[in-house]
C-alpha atoms as a PDB file:
ATOM      1  CA  MET A   1      -1.672 -17.569  -1.261  1.00  0.00           C
ATOM      2  CA  PRO A   2      -1.574 -13.761  -0.984  1.00  0.00           C
ATOM      3  CA  ASP A   3       1.174 -11.819   0.705  1.00  0.00           C
ATOM      4  CA  TRP A   4      -0.913 -10.940   3.755  1.00  0.00           C
ATOM      5  CA  SER A   5       1.564  -8.690   5.505  1.00  0.00           C
ATOM      6  CA  LEU A   6       2.245  -6.550   2.444  1.00  0.00           C
ATOM      7  CA  ALA A   7      -1.467  -6.325   1.657  1.00  0.00           C
ATOM      8  CA  ILE A   8      -2.250  -5.084   5.168  1.00  0.00           C
ATOM      9  CA  LEU A   9       0.583  -2.560   5.156  1.00  0.00           C
ATOM     10  CA  LEU A  10      -0.321  -1.236   1.708  1.00  0.00           C
ATOM     11  CA  ALA A  11      -3.978  -0.939   2.635  1.00  0.00           C
ATOM     12  CA  ILE A  12      -3.041   1.119   5.686  1.00  0.00           C
ATOM     13  CA  LEU A  13      -0.776   3.356   3.609  1.00  0.00           C
ATOM     14  CA  LEU A  14      -3.371   3.820   0.869  1.00  0.00           C
ATOM     15  CA  SER A  15      -6.239   4.547   3.236  1.00  0.00           C
ATOM     16  CA  GLN A  16      -4.347   7.199   5.182  1.00  0.00           C
ATOM     17  CA  ARG A  17      -1.084   8.586   3.831  1.00  0.00           C
ATOM     18  CA  SER A  18      -0.020  10.044   7.194  1.00  0.00           C
ATOM     19  CA  THR A  19       0.884   6.530   8.370  1.00  0.00           C
ATOM     20  CA  TRP A  20       3.967   6.392   6.134  1.00  0.00           C
ATOM     21  CA  TYR A  21       6.439   6.943   8.998  1.00  0.00           C
ATOM     22  CA  TRP A  22       5.684   3.574  10.596  1.00  0.00           C
ATOM     23  CA  VAL A  23       4.405   1.644   7.563  1.00  0.00           C
ATOM     24  CA  LEU A  24       7.535   2.133   5.424  1.00  0.00           C
ATOM     25  CA  PRO A  25       9.961   0.629   7.983  1.00  0.00           C
ATOM     26  CA  LEU A  26       7.614  -2.354   8.328  1.00  0.00           C
ATOM     27  CA  ILE A  27       7.591  -2.800   4.538  1.00  0.00           C
ATOM     28  CA  GLY A  28      11.408  -2.736   4.640  1.00  0.00           C
ATOM     29  CA  LEU A  29      11.332  -5.389   7.369  1.00  0.00           C
ATOM     30  CA  HIS A  30       8.859  -7.393   5.272  1.00  0.00           C
ATOM     31  CA  ASP A  31      11.276  -7.304   2.330  1.00  0.00           C
ATOM     32  CA  TYR A  32      14.240  -8.273   4.442  1.00  0.00           C
ATOM     33  CA  LEU A  33      12.483 -11.206   6.086  1.00  0.00           C
ATOM     34  CA  LEU A  34      10.824 -12.494   2.925  1.00  0.00           C
ATOM     35  CA  PHE A  35      13.412 -11.775   0.217  1.00  0.00           C
ATOM     36  CA  TRP A  36      16.619 -11.239   2.264  1.00  0.00           C
ATOM     37  CA  SER A  37      16.947  -7.800   0.713  1.00  0.00           C
ATOM     38  CA  VAL A  38      15.242  -4.444   1.127  1.00  0.00           C
ATOM     39  CA  TRP A  39      15.526  -3.702  -2.592  1.00  0.00           C
ATOM     40  CA  VAL A  40      12.459  -5.594  -3.810  1.00  0.00           C
ATOM     41  CA  VAL A  41       9.345  -3.679  -2.734  1.00  0.00           C
ATOM     42  CA  PHE A  42      10.677  -1.111  -0.255  1.00  0.00           C
ATOM     43  CA  PRO A  43      12.110   1.415  -2.775  1.00  0.00           C
ATOM     44  CA  PHE A  44       8.850   1.364  -4.725  1.00  0.00           C
ATOM     45  CA  ALA A  45       6.841   1.792  -1.508  1.00  0.00           C
ATOM     46  CA  VAL A  46       8.927   4.870  -0.672  1.00  0.00           C
ATOM     47  CA  LEU A  47       8.273   6.258  -4.168  1.00  0.00           C
ATOM     48  CA  ALA A  48       4.564   5.503  -3.811  1.00  0.00           C
ATOM     49  CA  ALA A  49       4.406   7.281  -0.426  1.00  0.00           C
ATOM     50  CA  LEU A  50       6.182  10.312  -1.885  1.00  0.00           C
ATOM     51  CA  LEU A  51       3.828  10.269  -4.870  1.00  0.00           C
ATOM     52  CA  LEU A  52       0.814  10.139  -2.566  1.00  0.00           C
ATOM     53  CA  MET A  53       2.034  13.037  -0.458  1.00  0.00           C
ATOM     54  CA  TYR A  54       2.929  15.171  -3.473  1.00  0.00           C
ATOM     55  CA  ALA A  55      -0.253  14.384  -5.422  1.00  0.00           C
ATOM     56  CA  ASP A  56      -2.510  14.892  -2.405  1.00  0.00           C
ATOM     57  CA  ILE A  57      -1.026  18.341  -1.848  1.00  0.00           C
ATOM     58  CA  ARG A  58      -1.069  19.353  -5.513  1.00  0.00           C
ATOM     59  CA  LEU A  59      -4.250  17.652  -6.754  1.00  0.00           C
ATOM     60  CA  ALA A  60      -6.233  16.927  -3.575  1.00  0.00           C
ATOM     61  CA  PRO A  61      -6.682  13.422  -2.187  1.00  0.00           C
ATOM     62  CA  GLY A  62      -8.076  11.015  -4.728  1.00  0.00           C
ATOM     63  CA  GLN A  63      -8.121   7.430  -5.859  1.00  0.00           C
ATOM     64  CA  HIS A  64      -6.127   7.989  -9.059  1.00  0.00           C
ATOM     65  CA  GLN A  65      -2.820   8.439  -7.301  1.00  0.00           C
ATOM     66  CA  ARG A  66      -3.584   5.612  -4.898  1.00  0.00           C
ATOM     67  CA  TRP A  67      -4.176   3.152  -7.739  1.00  0.00           C
ATOM     68  CA  VAL A  68      -0.872   4.226  -9.300  1.00  0.00           C
ATOM     69  CA  GLY A  69       0.824   3.707  -5.936  1.00  0.00           C
ATOM     70  CA  LEU A  70      -0.738   0.266  -5.552  1.00  0.00           C
ATOM     71  CA  VAL A  71       0.421  -0.855  -8.983  1.00  0.00           C
ATOM     72  CA  MET A  72       3.860   0.707  -8.437  1.00  0.00           C
ATOM     73  CA  VAL A  73       4.390  -1.319  -5.269  1.00  0.00           C
ATOM     74  CA  CYS A  74       2.878  -4.599  -6.485  1.00  0.00           C
ATOM     75  CA  ILE A  75       4.544  -4.945  -9.899  1.00  0.00           C
ATOM     76  CA  PRO A  76       7.994  -5.766  -8.398  1.00  0.00           C
ATOM     77  CA  LEU A  77       6.430  -8.779  -6.677  1.00  0.00           C
ATOM     78  CA  LEU A  78       6.080 -10.443 -10.070  1.00  0.00           C
ATOM     79  CA  PHE A  79       9.793  -9.996 -10.757  1.00  0.00           C
ATOM     80  CA  ALA A  80      10.645 -11.318  -7.297  1.00  0.00           C
ATOM     81  CA  GLY A  81       9.128 -14.685  -8.109  1.00  0.00           C
ATOM     82  CA  LEU A  82       5.610 -14.375  -6.727  1.00  0.00           C
ATOM     83  CA  GLY A  83       3.164 -16.331  -8.867  1.00  0.00           C
ATOM     84  CA  TRP A  84       0.380 -14.686 -10.866  1.00  0.00           C
ATOM     85  CA  LEU A  85      -2.368 -16.071  -8.668  1.00  0.00           C
ATOM     86  CA  SER A  86      -0.629 -14.978  -5.464  1.00  0.00           C
ATOM     87  CA  TRP A  87      -0.006 -11.555  -6.994  1.00  0.00           C
ATOM     88  CA  LEU A  88      -3.639 -11.184  -7.977  1.00  0.00           C
ATOM     89  CA  LEU A  89      -4.812 -12.346  -4.545  1.00  0.00           C
ATOM     90  CA  THR A  90      -2.459  -9.850  -2.881  1.00  0.00           C
ATOM     91  CA  ILE A  91      -3.865  -6.982  -4.933  1.00  0.00           C
ATOM     92  CA  THR A  92      -7.438  -8.126  -4.291  1.00  0.00           C
ATOM     93  CA  LEU A  93      -6.829  -8.372  -0.546  1.00  0.00           C
ATOM     94  CA  THR A  94      -5.140  -4.951  -0.544  1.00  0.00           C
ATOM     95  CA  VAL A  95      -8.056  -3.309  -2.361  1.00  0.00           C
ATOM     96  CA  TRP A  96     -10.597  -4.933  -0.060  1.00  0.00           C
ATOM     97  CA  LEU A  97      -8.725  -3.889   3.104  1.00  0.00           C
ATOM     98  CA  TRP A  98      -8.083  -0.410   1.691  1.00  0.00           C
ATOM     99  CA  SER A  99     -11.800   0.013   1.028  1.00  0.00           C
ATOM    100  CA  TYR A 100     -12.719  -1.292   4.486  1.00  0.00           C
ATOM    101  CA  LEU A 101     -10.228   0.967   6.281  1.00  0.00           C
ATOM    102  CA  SER A 102     -11.259   4.015   4.258  1.00  0.00           C
ATOM    103  CA  VAL A 103     -14.956   3.517   5.028  1.00  0.00           C
ATOM    104  CA  LYS A 104     -14.210   2.855   8.681  1.00  0.00           C
ATOM    105  CA  ARG A 105     -12.068   5.992   8.896  1.00  0.00           C
ATOM    106  CA  GLU A 106     -14.742   8.111   7.192  1.00  0.00           C
ATOM    107  CA  LYS A 107     -17.373   6.892   9.658  1.00  0.00           C
ATOM    108  CA  ALA A 108     -15.100   7.764  12.564  1.00  0.00           C
ATOM    109  CA  TYR A 109     -14.626  11.353  11.368  1.00  0.00           C
ATOM    110  CA  VAL A 110     -18.203  12.143  10.408  1.00  0.00           C
ATOM    111  CA  GLU A 111     -19.717  14.496  12.925  1.00  0.00           C
ATOM    112  CA  PRO A 112     -23.431  14.375  13.713  1.00  0.00           C
ATOM    113  CA  ALA A 113     -25.525  17.179  12.216  1.00  0.00           C
END
């Protein structure tokens, strides 16, 4: 079974980096409630958010840095005891939600000609 809460939070962060100020505390809460520690995914999520902000400013927004951020946050789940299938389902759900939220956001900001 995928980690639904982390997948939703990561998809929100990856689709729009300006949501970091409320997504990161929720990822910390996710870690605390699930693993009884905030040192599993939270530090990597902070690094991923910083990477996204820095890379978007320096290189322009793109998928390359978002894929690196996704992998950076999801790899620690394997070391925390999440099974391979659950890990793969979490990444799949994150990518699907990220794609959905990105398309939905683009449609909302497109102005008629």
